[in-house]
């Protein structure tokens, strides 16, 4: 079934055709030329009405789940009870999981006694996978799981929160970790990169085993415990868990009409006709070229269009503002944006209400740029975050989202956010240790 996005252009086309008939009867012009002008006029109005072949409705949802992978590279991760080493296996498993969850938002943190944020939560892409593959980590330091989970918790902005911990678990008391996870609502996936028998920690005569406290914590937070495996059965199990949680946190955004836009086919046909008639009337060619390539339906008032082309954006915005349809209001906002009048542009953009997804995307994208023009990066980030949830595969929106997110987070110290609990203070050892007691030391 054929429908029109902008049926208001059809009556205008009919009136123009009637007008050309009257002109032809009064002037007595050549019948062939009259038919040519009439057909071109009709096709242009038909194209501006945007006919499309309707094929049902597609429901659009936004994802509201974030996953953060914590990769432990403390000294005990150098043990070789998992071949080639626990740390190498953890890196490989992280890559396999990221390749499975490319439709999800994930962040990466590496930690030992210090924490490094490799990536904030974003839709998984090839660049992120390559960064994890190329990670250069060596086993060193102690295992501060509390600090790592605290910082991970501060990065969440979604309803669904999943922390995937790739670690042997160390041997510290994890009571505060449990309390933090219960308070934040994040679900812990303890991916045990160790064997129950354990392995010898490099440079120490100490055996490191799976910390079983973390198993209990994982289940009590609604998460899971998963032993590492040499095949990818562990990856599949964790992926299924993530998919289950993600499916519960998908929210309906809007209905998108599915169909085939017929305007490009009409445009090609018009171009063919004009090309054949080019020698007869150059004026029609220029006028139609403007309509086809500069989309005059967005320009509305011709004076506004002329001002815009000549760079007088303020006057163009005023002319476009005289028209009340959505496309001219958008062009008014675009003109004021080009003129650096960001407040005026935002007043127009925030008043536009539309169910047309293509127009909605352009309006919200320009809204974010206008906030950036005002140096209001917080609001720009809010709009970009809304757009990336609806259009996750749009490269321009992805760049806008990453840029605004970077600016907003620049200079902030995650450990100062309210979701972080106070990390326990480590007591300093002031007494010297006899060489014979070195083997009794806890390397974590």
Protein backbone atom coordinates (compact mmCIF):
# COMPACT_ATOMS: atom_id res chain seq x y z
CA UNK A 1 0.00 0.00 0.00
CA UNK A 2 1.36 3.43 -1.02
CA UNK A 3 1.20 6.25 1.54
CA UNK A 4 2.62 9.78 1.72
CA UNK A 5 4.72 11.31 4.50
CA UNK A 6 3.75 14.86 3.48
CA UNK A 7 0.38 14.65 1.68
CA UNK A 8 -0.08 18.45 2.00
CA UNK A 9 2.00 18.85 -1.16
CA UNK A 10 -0.53 16.94 -3.32
CA UNK A 11 -3.22 19.67 -3.36
CA UNK A 12 -0.52 22.20 -4.24
CA UNK A 13 0.49 20.02 -7.20
CA UNK A 14 -3.08 19.77 -8.42
CA UNK A 15 -3.52 23.56 -8.19
CA UNK A 16 -0.31 24.14 -10.16
CA UNK A 17 -1.46 21.73 -12.85
CA UNK A 18 -4.80 23.56 -13.14
CA UNK A 19 -2.90 26.83 -13.34
CA UNK A 20 -0.68 25.55 -16.17
CA UNK A 21 -3.80 24.42 -18.07
CA UNK A 22 -5.27 27.94 -17.81
CA UNK A 23 -1.98 29.52 -18.91
CA UNK A 24 -1.75 27.14 -21.88
CA UNK A 25 -5.29 27.92 -23.01
CA UNK A 26 -4.68 31.67 -22.85
CA UNK A 27 -1.26 31.66 -24.50
CA UNK A 28 -1.82 28.81 -26.96
CA UNK A 29 1.68 27.38 -26.40
CA UNK A 30 2.91 24.16 -27.99
CA UNK A 31 0.99 21.14 -26.64
CA UNK A 32 4.17 19.04 -26.19
CA UNK A 33 5.79 21.71 -24.06
CA UNK A 34 2.65 22.04 -21.98
CA UNK A 35 2.56 18.30 -21.35
CA UNK A 36 6.25 18.34 -20.39
CA UNK A 37 5.81 21.16 -17.85
CA UNK A 38 2.70 19.56 -16.44
CA UNK A 39 4.39 16.18 -15.97
CA UNK A 40 7.46 17.74 -14.35
CA UNK A 41 5.28 19.81 -12.00
CA UNK A 42 3.23 16.79 -11.01
CA UNK A 43 6.30 14.59 -10.42
CA UNK A 44 8.02 17.27 -8.33
CA UNK A 45 4.98 17.67 -6.09
CA UNK A 46 4.67 13.89 -5.89
CA UNK A 47 8.32 13.58 -4.85
CA UNK A 48 7.97 16.31 -2.22
CA UNK A 49 4.96 14.43 -0.80
CA UNK A 50 7.44 11.54 -0.17
CA UNK A 51 5.48 8.47 -1.27
CA UNK A 52 6.52 5.15 0.25
CA UNK A 53 5.41 1.56 0.01
CA UNK A 54 4.24 0.62 3.50
CA UNK A 55 5.36 -2.74 4.89
CA UNK A 56 4.26 -2.80 8.51
CA UNK A 57 5.68 -1.41 11.76
CA UNK A 58 9.04 -2.07 13.43
CA UNK A 59 9.27 -1.63 17.20
CA UNK A 60 12.44 0.19 18.28
CA UNK A 61 13.90 -0.52 21.72
CA UNK A 62 16.79 1.00 23.65
CA UNK A 63 19.35 -0.99 25.63
CA UNK A 64 19.63 -0.14 29.33
CA UNK A 65 22.33 -2.58 30.49
CA UNK A 66 26.08 -2.02 30.96
CA UNK A 67 28.83 -4.60 31.52
CA UNK A 68 32.27 -3.85 32.97
CA UNK A 69 35.08 -6.39 32.69
CA UNK A 70 37.67 -6.35 35.49
CA UNK A 71 40.93 -8.00 34.42
CA UNK A 72 43.20 -8.91 37.38
CA UNK A 73 46.96 -8.72 36.70
CA UNK A 74 48.23 -9.08 40.26
CA UNK A 75 51.28 -11.24 41.03
CA UNK A 76 49.23 -14.40 41.62
CA UNK A 77 47.87 -14.19 38.04
CA UNK A 78 51.32 -15.24 36.86
CA UNK A 79 50.68 -18.79 38.17
CA UNK A 80 50.70 -21.45 35.45
CA UNK A 81 48.10 -23.90 36.75
CA UNK A 82 46.06 -22.41 33.86
CA UNK A 83 48.14 -22.61 30.69
CA UNK A 84 50.04 -20.66 29.50
CA UNK A 85 49.39 -18.43 32.56
CA UNK A 86 46.30 -17.22 34.35
CA UNK A 87 46.84 -13.68 33.04
CA UNK A 88 47.17 -14.72 29.38
CA UNK A 89 44.06 -16.87 29.69
CA UNK A 90 42.13 -13.95 31.27
CA UNK A 91 43.04 -11.64 28.37
CA UNK A 92 42.02 -14.24 25.78
CA UNK A 93 38.71 -14.95 27.51
CA UNK A 94 37.93 -11.21 27.72
CA UNK A 95 38.42 -10.93 23.94
CA UNK A 96 36.17 -13.95 23.26
CA UNK A 97 33.42 -12.49 25.45
CA UNK A 98 33.60 -9.04 23.85
CA UNK A 99 33.22 -10.59 20.40
CA UNK A 100 30.05 -12.32 21.62
CA UNK A 101 28.41 -9.19 23.12
CA UNK A 102 28.85 -6.69 20.27
CA UNK A 103 25.27 -5.44 20.67
CA UNK A 104 25.87 -4.59 24.35
CA UNK A 105 27.63 -1.70 26.11
CA UNK A 106 30.83 -2.70 27.90
CA UNK A 107 33.76 -1.07 29.67
CA UNK A 108 37.22 -2.46 30.54
CA UNK A 109 39.24 -2.03 33.76
CA UNK A 110 42.59 -3.59 34.60
CA UNK A 111 43.76 -3.76 38.21
CA UNK A 112 46.17 -5.11 40.79
CA UNK A 113 46.81 -2.78 43.74
CA UNK A 114 46.22 0.13 41.32
CA UNK A 115 43.25 0.51 38.96
CA UNK A 116 43.33 1.66 35.33
CA UNK A 117 40.19 2.45 33.30
CA UNK A 118 40.84 1.26 29.75
CA UNK A 119 37.35 2.05 28.43
CA UNK A 120 34.12 3.55 29.77
CA UNK A 121 30.91 1.63 28.98
CA UNK A 122 30.17 1.92 25.24
CA UNK A 123 28.79 -0.27 22.49
CA UNK A 124 31.38 -2.95 21.79
CA UNK A 125 33.24 -2.37 18.52
CA UNK A 126 36.32 -3.69 16.73
CA UNK A 127 38.51 -0.94 18.15
CA UNK A 128 37.74 -1.98 21.73
CA UNK A 129 38.38 -5.66 20.94
CA UNK A 130 41.76 -4.77 19.37
CA UNK A 131 42.73 -2.71 22.43
CA UNK A 132 42.13 -5.69 24.72
CA UNK A 133 44.02 -8.02 22.36
CA UNK A 134 47.03 -5.71 22.39
CA UNK A 135 47.05 -5.18 26.18
CA UNK A 136 50.56 -5.40 27.60
CA UNK A 137 50.13 -6.56 31.19
CA UNK A 138 52.53 -8.31 33.53
CA UNK A 139 51.77 -9.98 36.88
CA UNK A 140 52.63 -7.51 39.63
CA UNK A 141 51.31 -6.04 42.84
CA UNK A 142 48.53 -7.15 45.15
CA UNK A 143 44.86 -7.88 44.44
CA UNK A 144 42.67 -4.95 45.53
CA UNK A 145 39.24 -6.21 44.44
CA UNK A 146 37.38 -3.70 46.62
CA UNK A 147 39.00 -0.72 44.91
CA UNK A 148 38.45 -2.19 41.43
CA UNK A 149 34.74 -2.90 42.04
CA UNK A 150 34.27 0.51 43.66
CA UNK A 151 35.60 2.29 40.58
CA UNK A 152 33.66 0.00 38.25
CA UNK A 153 30.48 0.80 40.15
CA UNK A 154 31.10 4.53 39.70
CA UNK A 155 31.09 4.17 35.91
CA UNK A 156 27.58 2.72 35.62
CA UNK A 157 24.77 4.89 34.26
CA UNK A 158 22.31 2.16 33.16
CA UNK A 159 19.57 0.30 34.99
CA UNK A 160 21.15 -3.12 34.45
CA UNK A 161 24.67 -3.40 35.94
CA UNK A 162 26.93 -6.43 35.44
CA UNK A 163 30.53 -6.75 36.69
CA UNK A 164 32.55 -9.59 35.14
CA UNK A 165 35.57 -10.29 37.35
CA UNK A 166 38.37 -12.29 35.67
CA UNK A 167 40.55 -13.20 38.64
CA UNK A 168 41.65 -15.92 41.05
CA UNK A 169 40.12 -13.79 43.80
CA UNK A 170 43.15 -13.20 46.01
CA UNK A 171 42.71 -14.03 49.70
CA UNK A 172 41.59 -10.72 51.27
CA UNK A 173 38.46 -10.41 53.38
CA UNK A 174 35.68 -9.47 50.97
CA UNK A 175 33.00 -8.36 53.42
CA UNK A 176 33.11 -4.75 52.15
CA UNK A 177 32.91 -5.98 48.55
CA UNK A 178 29.69 -7.79 49.38
CA UNK A 179 28.20 -4.71 51.04
CA UNK A 180 29.16 -2.49 48.11
CA UNK A 181 27.56 -4.80 45.55
CA UNK A 182 24.39 -5.12 47.63
CA UNK A 183 24.12 -1.33 47.85
CA UNK A 184 24.79 -0.67 44.16
CA UNK A 185 22.57 -3.44 42.76
CA UNK A 186 25.31 -4.64 40.41
CA UNK A 187 25.40 -8.36 39.62
CA UNK A 188 28.79 -10.06 39.96
CA UNK A 189 30.01 -12.69 37.52
CA UNK A 190 33.04 -14.33 39.16
CA UNK A 191 35.03 -15.85 36.31
CA UNK A 192 37.57 -17.92 38.24
CA UNK A 193 40.89 -17.95 36.36
CA UNK A 194 42.47 -20.61 38.58
CA UNK A 195 42.11 -24.24 39.58
CA UNK A 196 40.83 -25.59 42.89
CA UNK A 197 44.20 -27.30 43.42
CA UNK A 198 45.92 -23.95 42.88
CA UNK A 199 49.24 -22.88 41.42
CA UNK A 200 52.55 -21.57 42.68
CA UNK A 201 52.90 -17.78 42.71
CA UNK A 202 56.05 -16.69 40.78
CA UNK A 203 59.01 -15.80 43.03
CA UNK A 204 57.16 -17.03 46.15
CA UNK A 205 56.77 -20.45 47.70
CA UNK A 206 53.02 -19.87 48.06
CA UNK A 207 50.07 -21.69 46.50
CA UNK A 208 47.22 -19.51 45.16
CA UNK A 209 43.73 -21.03 44.91
CA UNK A 210 40.22 -19.83 44.00
CA UNK A 211 38.84 -17.49 46.67
CA UNK A 212 35.58 -19.23 47.58
CA UNK A 213 34.20 -16.13 49.31
CA UNK A 214 33.63 -14.63 45.87
CA UNK A 215 31.53 -17.61 44.80
CA UNK A 216 29.07 -16.92 47.60
CA UNK A 217 29.08 -13.15 46.88
CA UNK A 218 28.39 -13.74 43.17
CA UNK A 219 25.29 -15.83 43.86
CA UNK A 220 23.99 -13.46 46.56
CA UNK A 221 24.13 -10.48 44.15
CA UNK A 222 22.09 -12.37 41.55
CA UNK A 223 25.20 -13.15 39.52
CA UNK A 224 26.94 -16.43 38.68
CA UNK A 225 30.19 -18.29 39.32
CA UNK A 226 32.02 -19.69 36.30
CA UNK A 227 35.23 -21.73 36.20
CA UNK A 228 37.55 -21.06 33.30
CA UNK A 229 37.66 -23.76 30.61
CA UNK A 230 40.00 -24.45 27.72
CA UNK A 231 37.09 -24.55 25.29
CA UNK A 232 34.60 -21.68 25.04
CA UNK A 233 31.82 -23.28 27.08
CA UNK A 234 32.53 -20.77 29.89
CA UNK A 235 32.16 -17.86 27.44
CA UNK A 236 28.81 -19.26 26.23
CA UNK A 237 27.50 -19.61 29.79
CA UNK A 238 28.43 -16.02 30.68
CA UNK A 239 27.01 -14.73 27.39
CA UNK A 240 23.68 -16.42 28.09
CA UNK A 241 23.58 -14.85 31.56
CA UNK A 242 24.34 -11.37 30.15
CA UNK A 243 21.72 -11.82 27.42
CA UNK A 244 19.12 -12.80 30.02
CA UNK A 245 19.81 -9.70 32.14
CA UNK A 246 20.00 -7.44 29.08
CA UNK A 247 16.66 -8.74 27.79
CA UNK A 248 15.03 -7.75 31.08
CA UNK A 249 16.33 -4.17 30.76
CA UNK A 250 15.25 -3.31 27.22
CA UNK A 251 12.79 -0.43 27.06
CA UNK A 252 10.37 0.36 24.22
CA UNK A 253 11.32 3.62 22.46
CA UNK A 254 8.86 4.10 19.55
CA UNK A 255 7.23 2.48 16.51
CA UNK A 256 9.08 2.92 13.20
CA UNK A 257 7.01 2.51 10.01
CA UNK A 258 8.74 0.10 7.65
CA UNK A 259 8.55 0.80 3.95
CA UNK A 260 10.34 1.55 0.68
CA UNK A 261 10.80 5.26 -0.11
CA UNK A 262 9.74 5.89 -3.71
CA UNK A 263 11.09 9.46 -3.88
CA UNK A 264 14.54 8.49 -5.23
CA UNK A 265 12.93 6.61 -8.14
CA UNK A 266 10.77 9.62 -8.98
CA UNK A 267 13.83 11.87 -8.73
CA UNK A 268 15.79 9.74 -11.21
CA UNK A 269 12.85 9.81 -13.63
CA UNK A 270 12.63 13.61 -13.35
CA UNK A 271 16.36 13.94 -14.03
CA UNK A 272 16.04 11.81 -17.13
CA UNK A 273 13.18 13.97 -18.43
CA UNK A 274 15.04 17.18 -17.66
CA UNK A 275 18.20 15.90 -19.28
CA UNK A 276 16.26 15.14 -22.46
CA UNK A 277 14.70 18.59 -22.36
CA UNK A 278 17.84 20.45 -21.26
CA UNK A 279 18.41 22.23 -24.54
CA UNK A 280 14.78 23.46 -24.54
CA UNK A 281 14.65 25.19 -21.18
CA UNK A 282 17.66 25.76 -18.90
CA UNK A 283 15.58 27.51 -16.27
CA UNK A 284 13.55 24.36 -15.51
CA UNK A 285 16.78 22.38 -15.20
CA UNK A 286 18.26 24.75 -12.59
CA UNK A 287 15.02 24.94 -10.60
CA UNK A 288 14.56 21.17 -10.57
CA UNK A 289 18.24 20.65 -9.71
CA UNK A 290 17.82 22.83 -6.63
CA UNK A 291 14.75 20.85 -5.58
CA UNK A 292 16.46 17.50 -6.08
CA UNK A 293 19.91 18.15 -4.69
CA UNK A 294 19.30 20.80 -2.02
CA UNK A 295 15.89 19.49 -0.94
CA UNK A 296 13.86 22.69 -1.14
CA UNK A 297 11.21 21.13 1.07
CA UNK A 298 13.60 21.82 3.97
CA UNK A 299 14.12 25.37 2.74
CA UNK A 300 10.48 26.38 2.50
CA UNK A 301 10.70 30.08 1.77
CA UNK A 302 12.86 30.76 -1.33
CA UNK A 303 14.22 34.00 0.17
CA UNK A 304 15.46 32.03 3.18
CA UNK A 305 17.11 29.54 0.86
CA UNK A 306 18.87 32.31 -1.05
CA UNK A 307 20.09 33.94 2.17
CA UNK A 308 21.37 30.56 3.38
CA UNK A 309 23.33 29.90 0.16
CA UNK A 310 24.90 33.35 0.29
CA UNK A 311 25.97 32.87 3.93
CA UNK A 312 23.57 35.34 5.54
CA UNK A 313 22.43 32.79 8.11
CA UNK A 314 20.68 35.18 10.49
CA UNK A 315 18.36 36.51 7.76
CA UNK A 316 17.85 32.97 6.48
CA UNK A 317 16.75 31.90 9.96
CA UNK A 318 14.28 34.77 10.15
CA UNK A 319 12.79 33.91 6.74
CA UNK A 320 12.50 30.21 7.58
CA UNK A 321 10.88 31.08 10.91
CA UNK A 322 7.95 32.59 9.01
CA UNK A 323 6.93 29.06 7.96
CA UNK A 324 5.33 26.82 10.59
CA UNK A 325 6.00 23.36 9.14
CA UNK A 326 8.62 21.13 10.80
CA UNK A 327 11.14 21.19 7.95
CA UNK A 328 11.27 24.99 7.76
CA UNK A 329 11.51 25.27 11.55
CA UNK A 330 14.44 22.84 11.44
CA UNK A 331 16.08 24.96 8.71
CA UNK A 332 15.50 28.07 10.83
CA UNK A 333 17.28 26.39 13.76
CA UNK A 334 20.10 25.25 11.45
CA UNK A 335 20.52 28.80 10.12
CA UNK A 336 20.63 30.30 13.63
CA UNK A 337 23.14 27.60 14.63
CA UNK A 338 25.35 28.56 11.66
CA UNK A 339 25.03 32.20 12.75
CA UNK A 340 26.21 31.30 16.27
CA UNK A 341 22.80 32.13 17.78
CA UNK A 342 22.62 28.93 19.80
CA UNK A 343 19.88 29.97 22.25
CA UNK A 344 17.56 30.91 19.40
CA UNK A 345 18.32 27.63 17.66
CA UNK A 346 17.59 25.65 20.84
CA UNK A 347 14.28 27.44 21.39
CA UNK A 348 13.11 26.24 17.99
CA UNK A 349 14.57 22.73 18.25
CA UNK A 350 13.05 22.08 21.68
CA UNK A 351 9.62 23.05 20.34
CA UNK A 352 9.69 20.56 17.44
CA UNK A 353 7.60 17.44 18.03
CA UNK A 354 7.66 14.72 15.37
CA UNK A 355 7.11 10.99 14.91
CA UNK A 356 9.27 10.92 11.78
CA UNK A 357 12.42 9.11 12.94
CA UNK A 358 14.69 10.68 10.29
CA UNK A 359 13.59 14.21 11.26
CA UNK A 360 13.80 13.32 14.98
CA UNK A 361 17.42 12.20 14.57
CA UNK A 362 18.41 15.41 12.75
CA UNK A 363 16.65 17.61 15.31
CA UNK A 364 18.23 15.94 18.34
CA UNK A 365 21.68 15.80 16.68
CA UNK A 366 21.54 19.56 15.98
CA UNK A 367 20.30 20.09 19.57
CA UNK A 368 23.45 18.40 20.91
CA UNK A 369 25.66 20.52 18.63
CA UNK A 370 23.90 23.69 19.81
CA UNK A 371 24.57 22.78 23.46
CA UNK A 372 28.23 22.20 22.53
CA UNK A 373 28.24 25.66 20.92
CA UNK A 374 27.11 27.05 24.29
CA UNK A 375 29.79 24.99 26.08
CA UNK A 376 27.00 23.15 27.92
CA UNK A 377 28.59 19.72 27.55
CA UNK A 378 26.46 18.10 30.28
CA UNK A 379 23.25 18.70 28.30
CA UNK A 380 24.97 17.77 25.04
CA UNK A 381 26.05 14.47 26.61
CA UNK A 382 22.48 13.80 27.83
CA UNK A 383 21.15 14.23 24.26
CA UNK A 384 23.99 12.16 22.76
CA UNK A 385 23.37 9.36 25.28
CA UNK A 386 19.69 9.33 24.27
CA UNK A 387 20.62 9.16 20.55
CA UNK A 388 23.23 6.38 20.90
CA UNK A 389 20.67 4.17 22.64
CA UNK A 390 18.28 4.53 19.69
CA UNK A 391 20.83 4.65 16.85
CA UNK A 392 23.78 2.52 18.08
CA UNK A 393 25.17 1.89 14.57
CA UNK A 394 25.24 5.54 13.41
CA UNK A 395 28.93 6.55 13.20
CA UNK A 396 28.30 10.31 13.51
CA UNK A 397 26.21 9.81 16.63
CA UNK A 398 28.82 7.43 18.05
CA UNK A 399 31.53 10.09 17.58
CA UNK A 400 29.29 12.74 19.16
CA UNK A 401 28.56 10.44 22.13
CA UNK A 402 32.23 9.55 22.70
CA UNK A 403 33.31 13.20 22.41
CA UNK A 404 30.73 14.60 24.86
CA UNK A 405 31.32 11.73 27.26
CA UNK A 406 35.07 12.37 27.20
CA UNK A 407 34.61 16.09 27.88
CA UNK A 408 32.12 15.52 30.70
CA UNK A 409 34.34 12.94 32.38
CA UNK A 410 37.59 14.85 31.77
CA UNK A 411 39.25 15.72 35.03
CA UNK A 412 36.83 13.76 37.20
CA UNK A 413 38.34 11.26 39.62
CA UNK A 414 36.10 8.20 39.82
CA UNK A 415 37.09 7.47 43.37
CA UNK A 416 35.41 10.74 44.44
CA UNK A 417 31.97 9.70 43.13
CA UNK A 418 29.29 8.88 45.68
CA UNK A 419 29.01 5.28 44.62
CA UNK A 420 32.53 4.48 45.75
CA UNK A 421 33.01 3.20 49.24
CA UNK A 422 36.02 4.23 51.21
CA UNK A 423 38.85 1.87 50.36
CA UNK A 424 40.36 0.27 53.43
CA UNK A 425 43.63 1.75 54.52
CA UNK A 426 46.60 -0.49 54.30
CA UNK A 427 48.85 -0.57 57.30
CA UNK A 428 52.51 0.02 56.63
CA UNK A 429 54.98 -2.45 57.97
CA UNK A 430 57.71 -0.59 59.86
CA UNK A 431 59.67 -3.56 61.22
CA UNK A 432 62.21 -5.33 59.10
CA UNK A 433 61.45 -8.94 58.20
CA UNK A 434 63.95 -11.68 58.70
CA UNK A 435 64.89 -13.55 55.49
CA UNK A 436 63.65 -16.83 56.96
CA UNK A 437 60.09 -15.44 57.17
CA UNK A 438 59.93 -14.28 53.53
CA UNK A 439 58.25 -17.54 52.41
CA UNK A 440 55.36 -16.95 54.81
CA UNK A 441 54.47 -13.61 53.20
CA UNK A 442 51.07 -13.23 51.49
CA UNK A 443 51.95 -12.02 47.93
CA UNK A 444 48.55 -10.30 47.59
